[in-house]
Amino acid sequence: MEPFKRFKKLNTEGNLWIYILSLGKQREIPNEDIQKLVFEKFGFLPNKLLVSKVLFQLRTKGYIKGEKYKGKRAYRTTKKGVAELEKMKKFCQGLIDKV
């Protein structure tokens, strides 16, 4: 695999949690809309099974919490999740500055 393709894959599907946390910062996100929203905002379509797995892991570790939104299962990013997202942003910015 070419270096750019590998880099892109690892920074999209390979780090899906970042995108899920980002979407849930401002409002409740219906679980069924995650794939569509990730595609619209970030330009890649994650696998449905991977989305479910990442949601489970994030919920289990307290980075998101389950919500109801218009009668549907949804989630919202917790303060703990926002803090992790901020750490990630600082790390990425530092890495970009070094490259």
PDB file of N, CA and C in Angstrom:
ATOM      1  N   MET A   1       0.849  -1.177   0.000  1.00  0.00           N
ATOM      2  CA  MET A   1       0.000   0.000   0.000  1.00  0.00           C
ATOM      3  C   MET A   1       0.896   1.243   0.000  1.00  0.00           C
ATOM      4  N   GLU A   2       0.504   2.221  -0.769  1.00  0.00           N
ATOM      5  CA  GLU A   2       1.267   3.468  -0.848  1.00  0.00           C
ATOM      6  C   GLU A   2       1.192   4.207   0.487  1.00  0.00           C
ATOM      7  N   PRO A   3       2.244   4.942   0.836  1.00  0.00           N
ATOM      8  CA  PRO A   3       2.259   5.637   2.129  1.00  0.00           C
ATOM      9  C   PRO A   3       1.050   6.544   2.364  1.00  0.00           C
ATOM     10  N   PHE A   4       0.651   7.315   1.353  1.00  0.00           N
ATOM     11  CA  PHE A   4      -0.490   8.207   1.559  1.00  0.00           C
ATOM     12  C   PHE A   4      -1.782   7.434   1.803  1.00  0.00           C
ATOM     13  N   LYS A   5      -2.011   6.363   1.036  1.00  0.00           N
ATOM     14  CA  LYS A   5      -3.234   5.569   1.217  1.00  0.00           C
ATOM     15  C   LYS A   5      -3.282   4.962   2.614  1.00  0.00           C
ATOM     16  N   ARG A   6      -2.150   4.467   3.077  1.00  0.00           N
ATOM     17  CA  ARG A   6      -2.090   3.894   4.428  1.00  0.00           C
ATOM     18  C   ARG A   6      -2.361   4.973   5.478  1.00  0.00           C
ATOM     19  N   PHE A   7      -1.722   6.126   5.310  1.00  0.00           N
ATOM     20  CA  PHE A   7      -1.922   7.249   6.229  1.00  0.00           C
ATOM     21  C   PHE A   7      -3.391   7.661   6.277  1.00  0.00           C
ATOM     22  N   LYS A   8      -4.005   7.758   5.114  1.00  0.00           N
ATOM     23  CA  LYS A   8      -5.420   8.159   5.039  1.00  0.00           C
ATOM     24  C   LYS A   8      -6.322   7.135   5.722  1.00  0.00           C
ATOM     25  N   LYS A   9      -6.090   5.854   5.451  1.00  0.00           N
ATOM     26  CA  LYS A   9      -6.923   4.805   6.056  1.00  0.00           C
ATOM     27  C   LYS A   9      -6.786   4.797   7.579  1.00  0.00           C
ATOM     28  N   LEU A  10      -5.552   4.915   8.061  1.00  0.00           N
ATOM     29  CA  LEU A  10      -5.328   4.905   9.508  1.00  0.00           C
ATOM     30  C   LEU A  10      -5.920   6.136  10.186  1.00  0.00           C
ATOM     31  N   ASN A  11      -6.041   7.229   9.454  1.00  0.00           N
ATOM     32  CA  ASN A  11      -6.565   8.463  10.037  1.00  0.00           C
ATOM     33  C   ASN A  11      -8.040   8.699   9.748  1.00  0.00           C
ATOM     34  N   THR A  12      -8.690   7.729   9.142  1.00  0.00           N
ATOM     35  CA  THR A  12     -10.137   7.809   8.945  1.00  0.00           C
ATOM     36  C   THR A  12     -10.769   6.622   9.672  1.00  0.00           C
ATOM     37  N   GLU A  13     -10.907   5.495   8.982  1.00  0.00           N
ATOM     38  CA  GLU A  13     -11.516   4.321   9.609  1.00  0.00           C
ATOM     39  C   GLU A  13     -10.728   3.837  10.826  1.00  0.00           C
ATOM     40  N   GLY A  14      -9.424   3.992  10.789  1.00  0.00           N
ATOM     41  CA  GLY A  14      -8.570   3.536  11.882  1.00  0.00           C
ATOM     42  C   GLY A  14      -8.701   4.363  13.149  1.00  0.00           C
ATOM     43  N   ASN A  15      -9.296   5.530  13.041  1.00  0.00           N
ATOM     44  CA  ASN A  15      -9.505   6.417  14.193  1.00  0.00           C
ATOM     45  C   ASN A  15     -10.940   6.934  14.226  1.00  0.00           C
ATOM     46  N   LEU A  16     -11.868   6.055  13.984  1.00  0.00           N
ATOM     47  CA  LEU A  16     -13.280   6.440  13.902  1.00  0.00           C
ATOM     48  C   LEU A  16     -13.780   7.119  15.175  1.00  0.00           C
ATOM     49  N   TRP A  17     -13.221   6.742  16.318  1.00  0.00           N
ATOM     50  CA  TRP A  17     -13.675   7.314  17.585  1.00  0.00           C
ATOM     51  C   TRP A  17     -13.557   8.835  17.582  1.00  0.00           C
ATOM     52  N   ILE A  18     -12.528   9.378  16.937  1.00  0.00           N
ATOM     53  CA  ILE A  18     -12.335  10.826  16.888  1.00  0.00           C
ATOM     54  C   ILE A  18     -13.528  11.496  16.229  1.00  0.00           C
ATOM     55  N   TYR A  19     -13.978  10.942  15.135  1.00  0.00           N
ATOM     56  CA  TYR A  19     -15.075  11.524  14.375  1.00  0.00           C
ATOM     57  C   TYR A  19     -16.400  11.394  15.109  1.00  0.00           C
ATOM     58  N   ILE A  20     -16.591  10.271  15.781  1.00  0.00           N
ATOM     59  CA  ILE A  20     -17.817  10.071  16.555  1.00  0.00           C
ATOM     60  C   ILE A  20     -17.862  11.039  17.733  1.00  0.00           C
ATOM     61  N   LEU A  21     -16.753  11.177  18.448  1.00  0.00           N
ATOM     62  CA  LEU A  21     -16.713  12.144  19.552  1.00  0.00           C
ATOM     63  C   LEU A  21     -16.959  13.565  19.053  1.00  0.00           C
ATOM     64  N   SER A  22     -16.395  13.895  17.925  1.00  0.00           N
ATOM     65  CA  SER A  22     -16.553  15.237  17.362  1.00  0.00           C
ATOM     66  C   SER A  22     -18.011  15.531  17.012  1.00  0.00           C
ATOM     67  N   LEU A  23     -18.682  14.584  16.405  1.00  0.00           N
ATOM     68  CA  LEU A  23     -20.086  14.783  16.028  1.00  0.00           C
ATOM     69  C   LEU A  23     -20.977  15.008  17.245  1.00  0.00           C
ATOM     70  N   GLY A  24     -20.682  14.307  18.340  1.00  0.00           N
ATOM     71  CA  GLY A  24     -21.542  14.362  19.520  1.00  0.00           C
ATOM     72  C   GLY A  24     -21.235  15.479  20.492  1.00  0.00           C
ATOM     73  N   LYS A  25     -20.305  16.367  20.163  1.00  0.00           N
ATOM     74  CA  LYS A  25     -19.949  17.455  21.084  1.00  0.00           C
ATOM     75  C   LYS A  25     -21.087  18.449  21.284  1.00  0.00           C
ATOM     76  N   GLN A  26     -21.776  18.793  20.227  1.00  0.00           N
ATOM     77  CA  GLN A  26     -22.757  19.881  20.284  1.00  0.00           C
ATOM     78  C   GLN A  26     -24.198  19.427  20.493  1.00  0.00           C
ATOM     79  N   ARG A  27     -24.507  18.187  20.096  1.00  0.00           N
ATOM     80  CA  ARG A  27     -25.903  17.741  20.170  1.00  0.00           C
ATOM     81  C   ARG A  27     -25.986  16.217  20.192  1.00  0.00           C
ATOM     82  N   GLU A  28     -27.183  15.722  20.408  1.00  0.00           N
ATOM     83  CA  GLU A  28     -27.423  14.289  20.367  1.00  0.00           C
ATOM     84  C   GLU A  28     -27.348  13.827  18.909  1.00  0.00           C
ATOM     85  N   ILE A  29     -26.740  12.685  18.707  1.00  0.00           N
ATOM     86  CA  ILE A  29     -26.608  12.123  17.366  1.00  0.00           C
ATOM     87  C   ILE A  29     -27.322  10.773  17.335  1.00  0.00           C
ATOM     88  N   PRO A  30     -28.382  10.639  16.537  1.00  0.00           N
ATOM     89  CA  PRO A  30     -29.030   9.330  16.408  1.00  0.00           C
ATOM     90  C   PRO A  30     -28.047   8.295  15.852  1.00  0.00           C
ATOM     91  N   ASN A  31     -28.000   7.149  16.465  1.00  0.00           N
ATOM     92  CA  ASN A  31     -27.058   6.105  16.056  1.00  0.00           C
ATOM     93  C   ASN A  31     -27.187   5.781  14.568  1.00  0.00           C
ATOM     94  N   GLU A  32     -28.404   5.772  14.064  1.00  0.00           N
ATOM     95  CA  GLU A  32     -28.614   5.398  12.663  1.00  0.00           C
ATOM     96  C   GLU A  32     -28.093   6.451  11.675  1.00  0.00           C
ATOM     97  N   ASP A  33     -27.803   7.646  12.157  1.00  0.00           N
ATOM     98  CA  ASP A  33     -27.325   8.725  11.279  1.00  0.00           C
ATOM     99  C   ASP A  33     -25.806   8.873  11.254  1.00  0.00           C
ATOM    100  N   ILE A  34     -25.096   8.106  12.068  1.00  0.00           N
ATOM    101  CA  ILE A  34     -23.655   8.299  12.209  1.00  0.00           C
ATOM    102  C   ILE A  34     -22.919   8.114  10.891  1.00  0.00           C
ATOM    103  N   GLN A  35     -23.181   7.028  10.187  1.00  0.00           N
ATOM    104  CA  GLN A  35     -22.477   6.782   8.929  1.00  0.00           C
ATOM    105  C   GLN A  35     -22.670   7.944   7.956  1.00  0.00           C
ATOM    106  N   LYS A  36     -23.907   8.368   7.800  1.00  0.00           N
ATOM    107  CA  LYS A  36     -24.219   9.453   6.863  1.00  0.00           C
ATOM    108  C   LYS A  36     -23.521  10.746   7.276  1.00  0.00           C
ATOM    109  N   LEU A  37     -23.555  11.068   8.560  1.00  0.00           N
ATOM    110  CA  LEU A  37     -22.939  12.298   9.043  1.00  0.00           C
ATOM    111  C   LEU A  37     -21.420  12.281   8.910  1.00  0.00           C
ATOM    112  N   VAL A  38     -20.811  11.140   9.185  1.00  0.00           N
ATOM    113  CA  VAL A  38     -19.361  11.018   9.006  1.00  0.00           C
ATOM    114  C   VAL A  38     -19.014  11.233   7.536  1.00  0.00           C
ATOM    115  N   PHE A  39     -19.792  10.645   6.651  1.00  0.00           N
ATOM    116  CA  PHE A  39     -19.528  10.809   5.224  1.00  0.00           C
ATOM    117  C   PHE A  39     -19.691  12.268   4.797  1.00  0.00           C
ATOM    118  N   GLU A  40     -20.769  12.899   5.233  1.00  0.00           N
ATOM    119  CA  GLU A  40     -21.030  14.287   4.844  1.00  0.00           C
ATOM    120  C   GLU A  40     -19.979  15.254   5.383  1.00  0.00           C
ATOM    121  N   LYS A  41     -19.588  15.072   6.636  1.00  0.00           N
ATOM    122  CA  LYS A  41     -18.677  16.024   7.269  1.00  0.00           C
ATOM    123  C   LYS A  41     -17.199  15.706   7.030  1.00  0.00           C
ATOM    124  N   PHE A  42     -16.846  14.414   7.013  1.00  0.00           N
ATOM    125  CA  PHE A  42     -15.437  14.039   6.973  1.00  0.00           C
ATOM    126  C   PHE A  42     -15.004  13.324   5.693  1.00  0.00           C
ATOM    127  N   GLY A  43     -15.959  12.960   4.823  1.00  0.00           N
ATOM    128  CA  GLY A  43     -15.618  12.435   3.508  1.00  0.00           C
ATOM    129  C   GLY A  43     -15.288  10.961   3.402  1.00  0.00           C
ATOM    130  N   PHE A  44     -15.661  10.154   4.377  1.00  0.00           N
ATOM    131  CA  PHE A  44     -15.493   8.707   4.246  1.00  0.00           C
ATOM    132  C   PHE A  44     -16.685   8.020   4.894  1.00  0.00           C
ATOM    133  N   LEU A  45     -16.986   6.823   4.395  1.00  0.00           N
ATOM    134  CA  LEU A  45     -18.152   6.074   4.866  1.00  0.00           C
ATOM    135  C   LEU A  45     -17.681   4.884   5.699  1.00  0.00           C
ATOM    136  N   PRO A  46     -17.851   4.964   7.027  1.00  0.00           N
ATOM    137  CA  PRO A  46     -17.396   3.862   7.878  1.00  0.00           C
ATOM    138  C   PRO A  46     -18.333   2.653   7.803  1.00  0.00           C
ATOM    139  N   ASN A  47     -17.768   1.510   8.046  1.00  0.00           N
ATOM    140  CA  ASN A  47     -18.507   0.255   8.100  1.00  0.00           C
ATOM    141  C   ASN A  47     -19.479   0.286   9.283  1.00  0.00           C
ATOM    142  N   LYS A  48     -20.702  -0.196   9.073  1.00  0.00           N
ATOM    143  CA  LYS A  48     -21.735  -0.168  10.119  1.00  0.00           C
ATOM    144  C   LYS A  48     -21.324  -0.982  11.350  1.00  0.00           C
ATOM    145  N   LEU A  49     -20.706  -2.123  11.136  1.00  0.00           N
ATOM    146  CA  LEU A  49     -20.260  -2.956  12.251  1.00  0.00           C
ATOM    147  C   LEU A  49     -19.175  -2.245  13.055  1.00  0.00           C
ATOM    148  N   LEU A  50     -18.266  -1.576  12.370  1.00  0.00           N
ATOM    149  CA  LEU A  50     -17.206  -0.821  13.048  1.00  0.00           C
ATOM    150  C   LEU A  50     -17.802   0.322  13.869  1.00  0.00           C
ATOM    151  N   VAL A  51     -18.811   0.991  13.323  1.00  0.00           N
ATOM    152  CA  VAL A  51     -19.482   2.072  14.064  1.00  0.00           C
ATOM    153  C   VAL A  51     -20.076   1.520  15.358  1.00  0.00           C
ATOM    154  N   SER A  52     -20.763   0.393  15.280  1.00  0.00           N
ATOM    155  CA  SER A  52     -21.368  -0.216  16.468  1.00  0.00           C
ATOM    156  C   SER A  52     -20.310  -0.588  17.498  1.00  0.00           C
ATOM    157  N   LYS A  53     -19.206  -1.145  17.033  1.00  0.00           N
ATOM    158  CA  LYS A  53     -18.119  -1.549  17.930  1.00  0.00           C
ATOM    159  C   LYS A  53     -17.519  -0.332  18.638  1.00  0.00           C
ATOM    160  N   VAL A  54     -17.264   0.730  17.890  1.00  0.00           N
ATOM    161  CA  VAL A  54     -16.669   1.931  18.468  1.00  0.00           C
ATOM    162  C   VAL A  54     -17.640   2.589  19.446  1.00  0.00           C
ATOM    163  N   LEU A  55     -18.928   2.649  19.099  1.00  0.00           N
ATOM    164  CA  LEU A  55     -19.922   3.205  20.021  1.00  0.00           C
ATOM    165  C   LEU A  55     -19.937   2.433  21.332  1.00  0.00           C
ATOM    166  N   PHE A  56     -19.906   1.116  21.253  1.00  0.00           N
ATOM    167  CA  PHE A  56     -19.907   0.282  22.450  1.00  0.00           C
ATOM    168  C   PHE A  56     -18.687   0.590  23.316  1.00  0.00           C
ATOM    169  N   GLN A  57     -17.514   0.645  22.698  1.00  0.00           N
ATOM    170  CA  GLN A  57     -16.285   0.910  23.452  1.00  0.00           C
ATOM    171  C   GLN A  57     -16.308   2.299  24.092  1.00  0.00           C
ATOM    172  N   LEU A  58     -16.753   3.294  23.337  1.00  0.00           N
ATOM    173  CA  LEU A  58     -16.804   4.654  23.876  1.00  0.00           C
ATOM    174  C   LEU A  58     -17.802   4.761  25.030  1.00  0.00           C
ATOM    175  N   ARG A  59     -18.946   4.106  24.891  1.00  0.00           N
ATOM    176  CA  ARG A  59     -19.962   4.134  25.941  1.00  0.00           C
ATOM    177  C   ARG A  59     -19.466   3.416  27.191  1.00  0.00           C
ATOM    178  N   THR A  60     -18.840   2.259  27.007  1.00  0.00           N
ATOM    179  CA  THR A  60     -18.325   1.470  28.124  1.00  0.00           C
ATOM    180  C   THR A  60     -17.286   2.246  28.936  1.00  0.00           C
ATOM    181  N   LYS A  61     -16.467   3.031  28.250  1.00  0.00           N
ATOM    182  CA  LYS A  61     -15.399   3.772  28.919  1.00  0.00           C
ATOM    183  C   LYS A  61     -15.818   5.173  29.360  1.00  0.00           C
ATOM    184  N   GLY A  62     -17.085   5.522  29.118  1.00  0.00           N
ATOM    185  CA  GLY A  62     -17.606   6.796  29.606  1.00  0.00           C
ATOM    186  C   GLY A  62     -17.317   8.013  28.745  1.00  0.00           C
ATOM    187  N   TYR A  63     -16.912   7.805  27.497  1.00  0.00           N
ATOM    188  CA  TYR A  63     -16.625   8.931  26.613  1.00  0.00           C
ATOM    189  C   TYR A  63     -17.879   9.458  25.919  1.00  0.00           C
ATOM    190  N   ILE A  64     -18.903   8.620  25.828  1.00  0.00           N
ATOM    191  CA  ILE A  64     -20.205   9.042  25.331  1.00  0.00           C
ATOM    192  C   ILE A  64     -21.263   8.475  26.261  1.00  0.00           C
ATOM    193  N   LYS A  65     -22.459   9.049  26.206  1.00  0.00           N
ATOM    194  CA  LYS A  65     -23.563   8.485  26.982  1.00  0.00           C
ATOM    195  C   LYS A  65     -24.755   8.302  26.063  1.00  0.00           C
ATOM    196  N   GLY A  66     -25.521   7.268  26.355  1.00  0.00           N
ATOM    197  CA  GLY A  66     -26.707   6.981  25.569  1.00  0.00           C
ATOM    198  C   GLY A  66     -27.783   8.018  25.834  1.00  0.00           C
ATOM    199  N   GLU A  67     -28.479   8.397  24.806  1.00  0.00           N
ATOM    200  CA  GLU A  67     -29.547   9.392  24.879  1.00  0.00           C
ATOM    201  C   GLU A  67     -30.716   8.905  24.035  1.00  0.00           C
ATOM    202  N   LYS A  68     -31.809   9.593  24.157  1.00  0.00           N
ATOM    203  CA  LYS A  68     -32.943   9.410  23.249  1.00  0.00           C
ATOM    204  C   LYS A  68     -33.102  10.719  22.497  1.00  0.00           C
ATOM    205  N   TYR A  69     -33.280  10.633  21.186  1.00  0.00           N
ATOM    206  CA  TYR A  69     -33.475  11.820  20.374  1.00  0.00           C
ATOM    207  C   TYR A  69     -34.614  11.525  19.412  1.00  0.00           C
ATOM    208  N   LYS A  70     -35.715  12.210  19.615  1.00  0.00           N
ATOM    209  CA  LYS A  70     -36.920  11.989  18.803  1.00  0.00           C
ATOM    210  C   LYS A  70     -37.316  10.515  18.798  1.00  0.00           C
ATOM    211  N   GLY A  71     -37.228   9.896  19.957  1.00  0.00           N
ATOM    212  CA  GLY A  71     -37.626   8.508  20.121  1.00  0.00           C
ATOM    213  C   GLY A  71     -36.639   7.483  19.579  1.00  0.00           C
ATOM    214  N   LYS A  72     -35.474   7.923  19.169  1.00  0.00           N
ATOM    215  CA  LYS A  72     -34.474   7.009  18.609  1.00  0.00           C
ATOM    216  C   LYS A  72     -33.273   6.921  19.538  1.00  0.00           C
ATOM    217  N   ARG A  73     -32.538   5.787  19.436  1.00  0.00           N
ATOM    218  CA  ARG A  73     -31.293   5.646  20.190  1.00  0.00           C
ATOM    219  C   ARG A  73     -30.289   6.650  19.648  1.00  0.00           C
ATOM    220  N   ALA A  74     -29.651   7.331  20.556  1.00  0.00           N
ATOM    221  CA  ALA A  74     -28.685   8.354  20.165  1.00  0.00           C
ATOM    222  C   ALA A  74     -27.586   8.405  21.216  1.00  0.00           C
ATOM    223  N   TYR A  75     -26.603   9.236  20.995  1.00  0.00           N
ATOM    224  CA  TYR A  75     -25.543   9.416  21.957  1.00  0.00           C
ATOM    225  C   TYR A  75     -25.130  10.875  21.979  1.00  0.00           C
ATOM    226  N   ARG A  76     -24.414  11.221  23.018  1.00  0.00           N
ATOM    227  CA  ARG A  76     -23.815  12.546  23.140  1.00  0.00           C
ATOM    228  C   ARG A  76     -22.458  12.382  23.807  1.00  0.00           C
ATOM    229  N   THR A  77     -21.488  13.165  23.377  1.00  0.00           N
ATOM    230  CA  THR A  77     -20.149  13.102  23.941  1.00  0.00           C
ATOM    231  C   THR A  77     -20.158  13.686  25.355  1.00  0.00           C
ATOM    232  N   THR A  78     -19.529  12.996  26.284  1.00  0.00           N
ATOM    233  CA  THR A  78     -19.441  13.457  27.673  1.00  0.00           C
ATOM    234  C   THR A  78     -18.267  14.433  27.829  1.00  0.00           C
ATOM    235  N   LYS A  79     -18.163  15.036  29.013  1.00  0.00           N
ATOM    236  CA  LYS A  79     -17.029  15.917  29.294  1.00  0.00           C
ATOM    237  C   LYS A  79     -15.714  15.156  29.175  1.00  0.00           C
ATOM    238  N   LYS A  80     -15.721  13.908  29.622  1.00  0.00           N
ATOM    239  CA  LYS A  80     -14.537  13.061  29.516  1.00  0.00           C
ATOM    240  C   LYS A  80     -14.168  12.848  28.041  1.00  0.00           C
ATOM    241  N   GLY A  81     -15.161  12.662  27.195  1.00  0.00           N
ATOM    242  CA  GLY A  81     -14.917  12.485  25.767  1.00  0.00           C
ATOM    243  C   GLY A  81     -14.385  13.750  25.110  1.00  0.00           C
ATOM    244  N   VAL A  82     -14.932  14.896  25.495  1.00  0.00           N
ATOM    245  CA  VAL A  82     -14.457  16.175  24.961  1.00  0.00           C
ATOM    246  C   VAL A  82     -13.003  16.409  25.363  1.00  0.00           C
ATOM    247  N   ALA A  83     -12.656  16.057  26.600  1.00  0.00           N
ATOM    248  CA  ALA A  83     -11.278  16.209  27.066  1.00  0.00           C
ATOM    249  C   ALA A  83     -10.329  15.344  26.230  1.00  0.00           C
ATOM    250  N   GLU A  84     -10.728  14.121  25.919  1.00  0.00           N
ATOM    251  CA  GLU A  84      -9.896  13.243  25.091  1.00  0.00           C
ATOM    252  C   GLU A  84      -9.753  13.809  23.679  1.00  0.00           C
ATOM    253  N   LEU A  85     -10.821  14.349  23.158  1.00  0.00           N
ATOM    254  CA  LEU A  85     -10.781  14.939  21.826  1.00  0.00           C
ATOM    255  C   LEU A  85      -9.822  16.127  21.791  1.00  0.00           C
ATOM    256  N   GLU A  86      -9.829  16.930  22.825  1.00  0.00           N
ATOM    257  CA  GLU A  86      -8.915  18.079  22.900  1.00  0.00           C
ATOM    258  C   GLU A  86      -7.459  17.623  22.973  1.00  0.00           C
ATOM    259  N   LYS A  87      -7.195  16.552  23.725  1.00  0.00           N
ATOM    260  CA  LYS A  87      -5.835  16.002  23.793  1.00  0.00           C
ATOM    261  C   LYS A  87      -5.374  15.551  22.409  1.00  0.00           C
ATOM    262  N   MET A  88      -6.302  14.907  21.683  1.00  0.00           N
ATOM    263  CA  MET A  88      -5.991  14.432  20.346  1.00  0.00           C
ATOM    264  C   MET A  88      -5.675  15.604  19.418  1.00  0.00           C
ATOM    265  N   LYS A  89      -6.436  16.667  19.505  1.00  0.00           N
ATOM    266  CA  LYS A  89      -6.196  17.838  18.652  1.00  0.00           C
ATOM    267  C   LYS A  89      -4.815  18.430  18.915  1.00  0.00           C
ATOM    268  N   LYS A  90      -4.457  18.562  20.177  1.00  0.00           N
ATOM    269  CA  LYS A  90      -3.143  19.111  20.522  1.00  0.00           C
ATOM    270  C   LYS A  90      -2.017  18.201  20.021  1.00  0.00           C
ATOM    271  N   PHE A  91      -2.189  16.907  20.166  1.00  0.00           N
ATOM    272  CA  PHE A  91      -1.193  15.958  19.695  1.00  0.00           C
ATOM    273  C   PHE A  91      -1.009  16.071  18.182  1.00  0.00           C
ATOM    274  N   CYS A  92      -2.139  16.088  17.454  1.00  0.00           N
ATOM    275  CA  CYS A  92      -2.069  16.173  15.988  1.00  0.00           C
ATOM    276  C   CYS A  92      -1.432  17.476  15.539  1.00  0.00           C
ATOM    277  N   GLN A  93      -1.785  18.577  16.172  1.00  0.00           N
ATOM    278  CA  GLN A  93      -1.188  19.865  15.802  1.00  0.00           C
ATOM    279  C   GLN A  93       0.311  19.841  16.047  1.00  0.00           C
ATOM    280  N   GLY A  94       0.741  19.285  17.164  1.00  0.00           N
ATOM    281  CA  GLY A  94       2.166  19.172  17.453  1.00  0.00           C
ATOM    282  C   GLY A  94       2.888  18.303  16.429  1.00  0.00           C
ATOM    283  N   LEU A  95       2.237  17.222  16.040  1.00  0.00           N
ATOM    284  CA  LEU A  95       2.815  16.327  15.050  1.00  0.00           C
ATOM    285  C   LEU A  95       2.937  17.021  13.690  1.00  0.00           C
ATOM    286  N   ILE A  96       1.907  17.739  13.301  1.00  0.00           N
ATOM    287  CA  ILE A  96       1.934  18.476  12.026  1.00  0.00           C
ATOM    288  C   ILE A  96       3.043  19.513  12.039  1.00  0.00           C
ATOM    289  N   ASP A  97       3.201  20.201  13.151  1.00  0.00           N
ATOM    290  CA  ASP A  97       4.260  21.198  13.257  1.00  0.00           C
ATOM    291  C   ASP A  97       5.646  20.568  13.096  1.00  0.00           C
ATOM    292  N   LYS A  98       5.810  19.351  13.585  1.00  0.00           N
ATOM    293  CA  LYS A  98       7.093  18.669  13.501  1.00  0.00           C
ATOM    294  C   LYS A  98       7.366  18.120  12.095  1.00  0.00           C
ATOM    295  N   VAL A  99       6.312  17.720  11.402  1.00  0.00           N
ATOM    296  CA  VAL A  99       6.483  17.167  10.051  1.00  0.00           C
ATOM    297  C   VAL A  99       6.705  18.328   9.110  1.00  0.00           C
TER     298      VAL A  99
END
